[in-house]
């Protein structure tokens, strides 16, 4: 069965229980420190810090509503110095 044109919409309430780690390829080297707390403002959707909302293309697995965070947003979230270069995601 083909799944093209179908979207999986995920919405999870995590309140202040959100957790994320920033890893850099190819060795999955950790950048900055782990983040936990409210959902960062750069995550997609109207979440008020409490929800993770993702639209996923069922045919490709790609997140449709994702907008790449800026280097400044990542630096603030993961507490690393702005001079650290984070490669652009393709």
PDB file of N, CA and C in Angstrom:
ATOM      1  N   UNK A   1       0.834  -1.177   0.000  1.00  0.00           N
ATOM      2  CA  UNK A   1       0.000   0.000   0.000  1.00  0.00           C
ATOM      3  C   UNK A   1       0.885   1.249   0.000  1.00  0.00           C
ATOM      4  N   UNK A   2       0.519   2.225  -0.784  1.00  0.00           N
ATOM      5  CA  UNK A   2       1.271   3.468  -0.839  1.00  0.00           C
ATOM      6  C   UNK A   2       0.712   4.453   0.177  1.00  0.00           C
ATOM      7  N   UNK A   3       1.609   5.163   0.838  1.00  0.00           N
ATOM      8  CA  UNK A   3       1.213   6.108   1.879  1.00  0.00           C
ATOM      9  C   UNK A   3       1.403   7.547   1.449  1.00  0.00           C
ATOM     10  N   UNK A   4       1.724   7.786   0.187  1.00  0.00           N
ATOM     11  CA  UNK A   4       1.921   9.148  -0.275  1.00  0.00           C
ATOM     12  C   UNK A   4       0.651   9.951  -0.101  1.00  0.00           C
ATOM     13  N   UNK A   5       0.808  11.189   0.302  1.00  0.00           N
ATOM     14  CA  UNK A   5      -0.340  12.060   0.491  1.00  0.00           C
ATOM     15  C   UNK A   5      -1.008  11.901   1.841  1.00  0.00           C
ATOM     16  N   UNK A   6      -0.491  11.010   2.688  1.00  0.00           N
ATOM     17  CA  UNK A   6      -1.056  10.832   4.018  1.00  0.00           C
ATOM     18  C   UNK A   6      -0.118  11.453   5.046  1.00  0.00           C
ATOM     19  N   UNK A   7      -0.705  12.080   6.048  1.00  0.00           N
ATOM     20  CA  UNK A   7       0.069  12.757   7.087  1.00  0.00           C
ATOM     21  C   UNK A   7      -0.272  12.153   8.441  1.00  0.00           C
ATOM     22  N   UNK A   8       0.772  11.868   9.205  1.00  0.00           N
ATOM     23  CA  UNK A   8       0.595  11.445  10.586  1.00  0.00           C
ATOM     24  C   UNK A   8       0.800  12.690  11.443  1.00  0.00           C
ATOM     25  N   UNK A   9      -0.205  13.081  12.172  1.00  0.00           N
ATOM     26  CA  UNK A   9      -0.108  14.261  13.034  1.00  0.00           C
ATOM     27  C   UNK A   9       0.065  13.769  14.471  1.00  0.00           C
ATOM     28  N   UNK A  10       1.179  14.194  15.081  1.00  0.00           N
ATOM     29  CA  UNK A  10       1.492  13.789  16.444  1.00  0.00           C
ATOM     30  C   UNK A  10       1.462  15.020  17.341  1.00  0.00           C
ATOM     31  N   UNK A  11       0.785  14.911  18.456  1.00  0.00           N
ATOM     32  CA  UNK A  11       0.765  15.978  19.449  1.00  0.00           C
ATOM     33  C   UNK A  11       0.926  15.327  20.818  1.00  0.00           C
ATOM     34  N   UNK A  12       1.986  15.705  21.517  1.00  0.00           N
ATOM     35  CA  UNK A  12       2.293  15.113  22.812  1.00  0.00           C
ATOM     36  C   UNK A  12       2.393  16.221  23.845  1.00  0.00           C
ATOM     37  N   UNK A  13       1.664  16.088  24.948  1.00  0.00           N
ATOM     38  CA  UNK A  13       1.786  17.059  26.029  1.00  0.00           C
ATOM     39  C   UNK A  13       2.917  16.597  26.931  1.00  0.00           C
ATOM     40  N   UNK A  14       3.917  17.454  27.055  1.00  0.00           N
ATOM     41  CA  UNK A  14       5.052  17.088  27.898  1.00  0.00           C
ATOM     42  C   UNK A  14       5.310  18.131  28.975  1.00  0.00           C
ATOM     43  N   UNK A  15       4.509  19.190  29.016  1.00  0.00           N
ATOM     44  CA  UNK A  15       4.648  20.245  30.023  1.00  0.00           C
ATOM     45  C   UNK A  15       6.107  20.620  30.185  1.00  0.00           C
ATOM     46  N   UNK A  16       6.628  20.525  31.391  1.00  0.00           N
ATOM     47  CA  UNK A  16       8.032  20.874  31.598  1.00  0.00           C
ATOM     48  C   UNK A  16       8.911  19.630  31.592  1.00  0.00           C
ATOM     49  N   UNK A  17       8.426  18.544  30.979  1.00  0.00           N
ATOM     50  CA  UNK A  17       9.176  17.303  30.913  1.00  0.00           C
ATOM     51  C   UNK A  17       9.871  17.076  29.580  1.00  0.00           C
ATOM     52  N   UNK A  18       9.985  18.114  28.750  1.00  0.00           N
ATOM     53  CA  UNK A  18      10.659  17.986  27.452  1.00  0.00           C
ATOM     54  C   UNK A  18      12.151  17.744  27.689  1.00  0.00           C
ATOM     55  N   UNK A  19      12.761  16.914  26.849  1.00  0.00           N
ATOM     56  CA  UNK A  19      14.193  16.632  26.943  1.00  0.00           C
ATOM     57  C   UNK A  19      14.767  16.541  25.545  1.00  0.00           C
ATOM     58  N   UNK A  20      15.976  17.081  25.341  1.00  0.00           N
ATOM     59  CA  UNK A  20      16.644  16.992  24.039  1.00  0.00           C
ATOM     60  C   UNK A  20      18.150  16.991  24.222  1.00  0.00           C
ATOM     61  N   UNK A  21      18.826  16.365  23.274  1.00  0.00           N
ATOM     62  CA  UNK A  21      20.292  16.344  23.230  1.00  0.00           C
ATOM     63  C   UNK A  21      20.690  16.667  21.800  1.00  0.00           C
ATOM     64  N   UNK A  22      21.688  17.514  21.634  1.00  0.00           N
ATOM     65  CA  UNK A  22      22.184  17.900  20.312  1.00  0.00           C
ATOM     66  C   UNK A  22      23.434  17.090  20.004  1.00  0.00           C
ATOM     67  N   UNK A  23      23.366  16.295  18.933  1.00  0.00           N
ATOM     68  CA  UNK A  23      24.487  15.443  18.520  1.00  0.00           C
ATOM     69  C   UNK A  23      24.957  15.870  17.140  1.00  0.00           C
ATOM     70  N   UNK A  24      26.260  15.779  16.921  1.00  0.00           N
ATOM     71  CA  UNK A  24      26.821  16.130  15.617  1.00  0.00           C
ATOM     72  C   UNK A  24      27.390  14.884  14.959  1.00  0.00           C
ATOM     73  N   UNK A  25      27.004  14.686  13.709  1.00  0.00           N
ATOM     74  CA  UNK A  25      27.502  13.562  12.913  1.00  0.00           C
ATOM     75  C   UNK A  25      28.956  13.818  12.526  1.00  0.00           C
ATOM     76  N   UNK A  26      29.755  12.840  12.194  1.00  0.00           N
ATOM     77  CA  UNK A  26      29.374  11.448  12.000  1.00  0.00           C
ATOM     78  C   UNK A  26      29.525  10.599  13.268  1.00  0.00           C
ATOM     79  N   UNK A  27      30.188  11.079  14.297  1.00  0.00           N
ATOM     80  CA  UNK A  27      30.417  10.238  15.482  1.00  0.00           C
ATOM     81  C   UNK A  27      29.387  10.463  16.586  1.00  0.00           C
ATOM     82  N   UNK A  28      28.323  11.212  16.294  1.00  0.00           N
ATOM     83  CA  UNK A  28      27.309  11.537  17.304  1.00  0.00           C
ATOM     84  C   UNK A  28      27.925  12.204  18.530  1.00  0.00           C
ATOM     85  N   UNK A  29      28.836  13.135  18.266  1.00  0.00           N
ATOM     86  CA  UNK A  29      29.490  13.879  19.341  1.00  0.00           C
ATOM     87  C   UNK A  29      28.505  14.884  19.931  1.00  0.00           C
ATOM     88  N   UNK A  30      28.360  14.869  21.253  1.00  0.00           N
ATOM     89  CA  UNK A  30      27.420  15.774  21.903  1.00  0.00           C
ATOM     90  C   UNK A  30      27.927  17.208  21.836  1.00  0.00           C
ATOM     91  N   UNK A  31      27.026  18.124  21.515  1.00  0.00           N
ATOM     92  CA  UNK A  31      27.304  19.556  21.485  1.00  0.00           C
ATOM     93  C   UNK A  31      26.487  20.204  22.584  1.00  0.00           C
ATOM     94  N   UNK A  32      27.130  20.936  23.439  1.00  0.00           N
ATOM     95  CA  UNK A  32      26.424  21.606  24.521  1.00  0.00           C
ATOM     96  C   UNK A  32      25.996  20.620  25.603  1.00  0.00           C
ATOM     97  N   UNK A  33      25.012  21.029  26.376  1.00  0.00           N
ATOM     98  CA  UNK A  33      24.511  20.202  27.464  1.00  0.00           C
ATOM     99  C   UNK A  33      23.086  19.750  27.138  1.00  0.00           C
ATOM    100  N   UNK A  34      22.659  18.687  27.784  1.00  0.00           N
ATOM    101  CA  UNK A  34      21.287  18.233  27.609  1.00  0.00           C
ATOM    102  C   UNK A  34      20.329  19.344  28.032  1.00  0.00           C
ATOM    103  N   UNK A  35      19.209  19.426  27.340  1.00  0.00           N
ATOM    104  CA  UNK A  35      18.189  20.417  27.676  1.00  0.00           C
ATOM    105  C   UNK A  35      16.972  19.690  28.218  1.00  0.00           C
ATOM    106  N   UNK A  36      16.455  20.185  29.327  1.00  0.00           N
ATOM    107  CA  UNK A  36      15.153  19.705  29.784  1.00  0.00           C
ATOM    108  C   UNK A  36      14.379  20.874  30.368  1.00  0.00           C
ATOM    109  N   UNK A  37      13.089  20.769  30.276  1.00  0.00           N
ATOM    110  CA  UNK A  37      12.228  21.847  30.743  1.00  0.00           C
ATOM    111  C   UNK A  37      11.048  22.009  29.800  1.00  0.00           C
ATOM    112  N   UNK A  38      10.688  23.252  29.542  1.00  0.00           N
ATOM    113  CA  UNK A  38       9.583  23.522  28.616  1.00  0.00           C
ATOM    114  C   UNK A  38      10.023  23.291  27.179  1.00  0.00           C
ATOM    115  N   UNK A  39       9.061  23.037  26.303  1.00  0.00           N
ATOM    116  CA  UNK A  39       9.349  22.858  24.885  1.00  0.00           C
ATOM    117  C   UNK A  39       9.932  24.173  24.360  1.00  0.00           C
ATOM    118  N   UNK A  40      11.105  24.119  23.705  1.00  0.00           N
ATOM    119  CA  UNK A  40      11.728  25.353  23.209  1.00  0.00           C
ATOM    120  C   UNK A  40      10.830  26.080  22.204  1.00  0.00           C
ATOM    121  N   UNK A  41      10.949  27.382  22.187  1.00  0.00           N
ATOM    122  CA  UNK A  41      10.089  28.205  21.327  1.00  0.00           C
ATOM    123  C   UNK A  41      10.280  27.915  19.847  1.00  0.00           C
ATOM    124  N   UNK A  42      11.437  27.384  19.466  1.00  0.00           N
ATOM    125  CA  UNK A  42      11.700  27.126  18.048  1.00  0.00           C
ATOM    126  C   UNK A  42      11.077  25.816  17.542  1.00  0.00           C
ATOM    127  N   UNK A  43      10.485  25.033  18.430  1.00  0.00           N
ATOM    128  CA  UNK A  43       9.798  23.817  17.979  1.00  0.00           C
ATOM    129  C   UNK A  43       8.527  24.212  17.237  1.00  0.00           C
ATOM    130  N   UNK A  44       8.107  23.424  16.231  1.00  0.00           N
ATOM    131  CA  UNK A  44       6.941  23.790  15.427  1.00  0.00           C
ATOM    132  C   UNK A  44       5.621  23.713  16.197  1.00  0.00           C
ATOM    133  N   UNK A  45       4.657  24.462  15.700  1.00  0.00           N
ATOM    134  CA  UNK A  45       3.307  24.418  16.253  1.00  0.00           C
ATOM    135  C   UNK A  45       3.078  25.456  17.336  1.00  0.00           C
ATOM    136  N   UNK A  46       1.818  25.611  17.691  1.00  0.00           N
ATOM    137  CA  UNK A  46       1.426  26.482  18.798  1.00  0.00           C
ATOM    138  C   UNK A  46       1.444  25.632  20.051  1.00  0.00           C
ATOM    139  N   UNK A  47       2.520  25.732  20.816  1.00  0.00           N
ATOM    140  CA  UNK A  47       2.680  24.786  21.922  1.00  0.00           C
ATOM    141  C   UNK A  47       2.747  25.423  23.298  1.00  0.00           C
ATOM    142  N   UNK A  48       2.956  26.719  23.388  1.00  0.00           N
ATOM    143  CA  UNK A  48       3.045  27.400  24.683  1.00  0.00           C
ATOM    144  C   UNK A  48       3.984  26.698  25.656  1.00  0.00           C
ATOM    145  N   UNK A  49       4.996  26.011  25.127  1.00  0.00           N
ATOM    146  CA  UNK A  49       5.968  25.342  25.979  1.00  0.00           C
ATOM    147  C   UNK A  49       5.516  24.014  26.538  1.00  0.00           C
ATOM    148  N   UNK A  50       4.309  23.563  26.174  1.00  0.00           N
ATOM    149  CA  UNK A  50       3.769  22.338  26.761  1.00  0.00           C
ATOM    150  C   UNK A  50       3.594  21.176  25.789  1.00  0.00           C
ATOM    151  N   UNK A  51       3.602  21.436  24.489  1.00  0.00           N
ATOM    152  CA  UNK A  51       3.285  20.395  23.513  1.00  0.00           C
ATOM    153  C   UNK A  51       4.352  20.281  22.429  1.00  0.00           C
ATOM    154  N   UNK A  52       4.571  19.059  21.968  1.00  0.00           N
ATOM    155  CA  UNK A  52       5.361  18.811  20.763  1.00  0.00           C
ATOM    156  C   UNK A  52       4.356  18.403  19.696  1.00  0.00           C
ATOM    157  N   UNK A  53       4.291  19.175  18.606  1.00  0.00           N
ATOM    158  CA  UNK A  53       3.352  18.906  17.521  1.00  0.00           C
ATOM    159  C   UNK A  53       4.125  18.737  16.222  1.00  0.00           C
ATOM    160  N   UNK A  54       4.043  17.553  15.647  1.00  0.00           N
ATOM    161  CA  UNK A  54       4.764  17.254  14.415  1.00  0.00           C
ATOM    162  C   UNK A  54       3.813  16.678  13.383  1.00  0.00           C
ATOM    163  N   UNK A  55       3.944  17.136  12.137  1.00  0.00           N
ATOM    164  CA  UNK A  55       3.234  16.561  10.997  1.00  0.00           C
ATOM    165  C   UNK A  55       4.253  15.767  10.194  1.00  0.00           C
ATOM    166  N   UNK A  56       4.009  14.475  10.034  1.00  0.00           N
ATOM    167  CA  UNK A  56       4.969  13.580   9.384  1.00  0.00           C
ATOM    168  C   UNK A  56       4.351  13.007   8.121  1.00  0.00           C
ATOM    169  N   UNK A  57       5.077  13.118   7.008  1.00  0.00           N
ATOM    170  CA  UNK A  57       4.643  12.526   5.755  1.00  0.00           C
ATOM    171  C   UNK A  57       4.780  11.014   5.886  1.00  0.00           C
ATOM    172  N   UNK A  58       3.668  10.296   5.805  1.00  0.00           N
ATOM    173  CA  UNK A  58       3.671   8.843   6.002  1.00  0.00           C
ATOM    174  C   UNK A  58       4.452   8.112   4.918  1.00  0.00           C
ATOM    175  N   UNK A  59       4.589   8.710   3.737  1.00  0.00           N
ATOM    176  CA  UNK A  59       5.299   8.057   2.644  1.00  0.00           C
ATOM    177  C   UNK A  59       6.806   8.191   2.719  1.00  0.00           C
ATOM    178  N   UNK A  60       7.288   9.294   3.305  1.00  0.00           N
ATOM    179  CA  UNK A  60       8.735   9.545   3.336  1.00  0.00           C
ATOM    180  C   UNK A  60       9.314   9.570   4.742  1.00  0.00           C
ATOM    181  N   UNK A  61       8.464   9.775   5.750  1.00  0.00           N
ATOM    182  CA  UNK A  61       8.951   9.886   7.121  1.00  0.00           C
ATOM    183  C   UNK A  61       9.489  11.264   7.463  1.00  0.00           C
ATOM    184  N   UNK A  62       9.369  12.212   6.539  1.00  0.00           N
ATOM    185  CA  UNK A  62       9.886  13.560   6.776  1.00  0.00           C
ATOM    186  C   UNK A  62       8.894  14.387   7.585  1.00  0.00           C
ATOM    187  N   UNK A  63       9.459  15.202   8.489  1.00  0.00           N
ATOM    188  CA  UNK A  63       8.630  16.119   9.274  1.00  0.00           C
ATOM    189  C   UNK A  63       8.300  17.313   8.390  1.00  0.00           C
ATOM    190  N   UNK A  64       7.024  17.558   8.192  1.00  0.00           N
ATOM    191  CA  UNK A  64       6.577  18.578   7.246  1.00  0.00           C
ATOM    192  C   UNK A  64       6.575  19.987   7.832  1.00  0.00           C
ATOM    193  N   UNK A  65       6.314  20.127   9.104  1.00  0.00           N
ATOM    194  CA  UNK A  65       6.204  21.460   9.686  1.00  0.00           C
ATOM    195  C   UNK A  65       7.484  21.906  10.400  1.00  0.00           C
ATOM    196  N   UNK A  66       8.598  21.277  10.095  1.00  0.00           N
ATOM    197  CA  UNK A  66       9.872  21.603  10.734  1.00  0.00           C
ATOM    198  C   UNK A  66      10.500  22.827  10.081  1.00  0.00           C
ATOM    199  N   UNK A  67      10.931  23.761  10.892  1.00  0.00           N
ATOM    200  CA  UNK A  67      11.736  24.896  10.447  1.00  0.00           C
ATOM    201  C   UNK A  67      13.030  24.830  11.226  1.00  0.00           C
ATOM    202  N   UNK A  68      14.141  24.829  10.516  1.00  0.00           N
ATOM    203  CA  UNK A  68      15.442  24.682  11.171  1.00  0.00           C
ATOM    204  C   UNK A  68      15.679  25.814  12.156  1.00  0.00           C
ATOM    205  N   UNK A  69      16.058  25.472  13.398  1.00  0.00           N
ATOM    206  CA  UNK A  69      16.388  26.519  14.356  1.00  0.00           C
ATOM    207  C   UNK A  69      17.682  27.215  13.949  1.00  0.00           C
ATOM    208  N   UNK A  70      17.824  28.450  14.371  1.00  0.00           N
ATOM    209  CA  UNK A  70      19.045  29.200  14.063  1.00  0.00           C
ATOM    210  C   UNK A  70      20.171  28.737  14.987  1.00  0.00           C
ATOM    211  N   UNK A  71      21.397  29.101  14.628  1.00  0.00           N
ATOM    212  CA  UNK A  71      22.543  28.791  15.488  1.00  0.00           C
ATOM    213  C   UNK A  71      22.376  29.440  16.854  1.00  0.00           C
ATOM    214  N   UNK A  72      21.846  30.660  16.864  1.00  0.00           N
ATOM    215  CA  UNK A  72      21.632  31.359  18.139  1.00  0.00           C
ATOM    216  C   UNK A  72      20.618  30.614  19.009  1.00  0.00           C
ATOM    217  N   UNK A  73      19.541  30.109  18.399  1.00  0.00           N
ATOM    218  CA  UNK A  73      18.535  29.369  19.166  1.00  0.00           C
ATOM    219  C   UNK A  73      19.124  28.078  19.738  1.00  0.00           C
ATOM    220  N   UNK A  74      19.922  27.383  18.932  1.00  0.00           N
ATOM    221  CA  UNK A  74      20.547  26.153  19.424  1.00  0.00           C
ATOM    222  C   UNK A  74      21.556  26.455  20.525  1.00  0.00           C
ATOM    223  N   UNK A  75      22.330  27.524  20.353  1.00  0.00           N
ATOM    224  CA  UNK A  75      23.310  27.904  21.369  1.00  0.00           C
ATOM    225  C   UNK A  75      22.621  28.215  22.692  1.00  0.00           C
ATOM    226  N   UNK A  76      21.504  28.906  22.626  1.00  0.00           N
ATOM    227  CA  UNK A  76      20.776  29.250  23.847  1.00  0.00           C
ATOM    228  C   UNK A  76      20.172  28.010  24.500  1.00  0.00           C
ATOM    229  N   UNK A  77      19.568  27.151  23.702  1.00  0.00           N
ATOM    230  CA  UNK A  77      18.914  25.958  24.234  1.00  0.00           C
ATOM    231  C   UNK A  77      19.911  24.981  24.836  1.00  0.00           C
ATOM    232  N   UNK A  78      21.012  24.732  24.134  1.00  0.00           N
ATOM    233  CA  UNK A  78      21.971  23.704  24.557  1.00  0.00           C
ATOM    234  C   UNK A  78      23.198  24.273  25.249  1.00  0.00           C
ATOM    235  N   UNK A  79      23.178  25.581  25.515  1.00  0.00           N
ATOM    236  CA  UNK A  79      24.200  26.261  26.323  1.00  0.00           C
ATOM    237  C   UNK A  79      25.621  26.075  25.805  1.00  0.00           C
ATOM    238  N   UNK A  80      25.814  26.276  24.512  1.00  0.00           N
ATOM    239  CA  UNK A  80      27.185  26.287  24.010  1.00  0.00           C
ATOM    240  C   UNK A  80      27.496  27.661  23.459  1.00  0.00           C
ATOM    241  N   UNK A  81      28.769  27.933  23.307  1.00  0.00           N
ATOM    242  CA  UNK A  81      29.191  29.231  22.829  1.00  0.00           C
ATOM    243  C   UNK A  81      28.807  29.396  21.369  1.00  0.00           C
ATOM    244  N   UNK A  82      28.417  30.603  21.005  1.00  0.00           N
ATOM    245  CA  UNK A  82      27.968  30.848  19.631  1.00  0.00           C
ATOM    246  C   UNK A  82      29.044  30.552  18.597  1.00  0.00           C
ATOM    247  N   UNK A  83      30.296  30.544  18.978  1.00  0.00           N
ATOM    248  CA  UNK A  83      31.367  30.266  18.028  1.00  0.00           C
ATOM    249  C   UNK A  83      31.375  28.828  17.540  1.00  0.00           C
ATOM    250  N   UNK A  84      30.699  27.928  18.238  1.00  0.00           N
ATOM    251  CA  UNK A  84      30.640  26.531  17.826  1.00  0.00           C
ATOM    252  C   UNK A  84      29.794  26.446  16.569  1.00  0.00           C
ATOM    253  N   UNK A  85      30.330  25.840  15.534  1.00  0.00           N
ATOM    254  CA  UNK A  85      29.602  25.743  14.274  1.00  0.00           C
ATOM    255  C   UNK A  85      28.747  24.480  14.276  1.00  0.00           C
ATOM    256  N   UNK A  86      27.497  24.679  13.920  1.00  0.00           N
ATOM    257  CA  UNK A  86      26.573  23.563  13.777  1.00  0.00           C
ATOM    258  C   UNK A  86      26.231  23.490  12.303  1.00  0.00           C
ATOM    259  N   UNK A  87      26.561  22.358  11.671  1.00  0.00           N
ATOM    260  CA  UNK A  87      26.328  22.216  10.239  1.00  0.00           C
ATOM    261  C   UNK A  87      24.859  22.325   9.883  1.00  0.00           C
ATOM    262  N   UNK A  88      24.589  22.816   8.694  1.00  0.00           N
ATOM    263  CA  UNK A  88      23.208  22.930   8.226  1.00  0.00           C
ATOM    264  C   UNK A  88      22.672  21.557   7.884  1.00  0.00           C
ATOM    265  N   UNK A  89      21.455  21.287   8.349  1.00  0.00           N
ATOM    266  CA  UNK A  89      20.829  20.003   8.069  1.00  0.00           C
ATOM    267  C   UNK A  89      20.316  19.994   6.644  1.00  0.00           C
ATOM    268  N   UNK A  90      20.413  18.862   5.991  1.00  0.00           N
ATOM    269  CA  UNK A  90      19.956  18.748   4.603  1.00  0.00           C
ATOM    270  C   UNK A  90      18.620  18.051   4.588  1.00  0.00           C
TER     271      UNK A  90
END
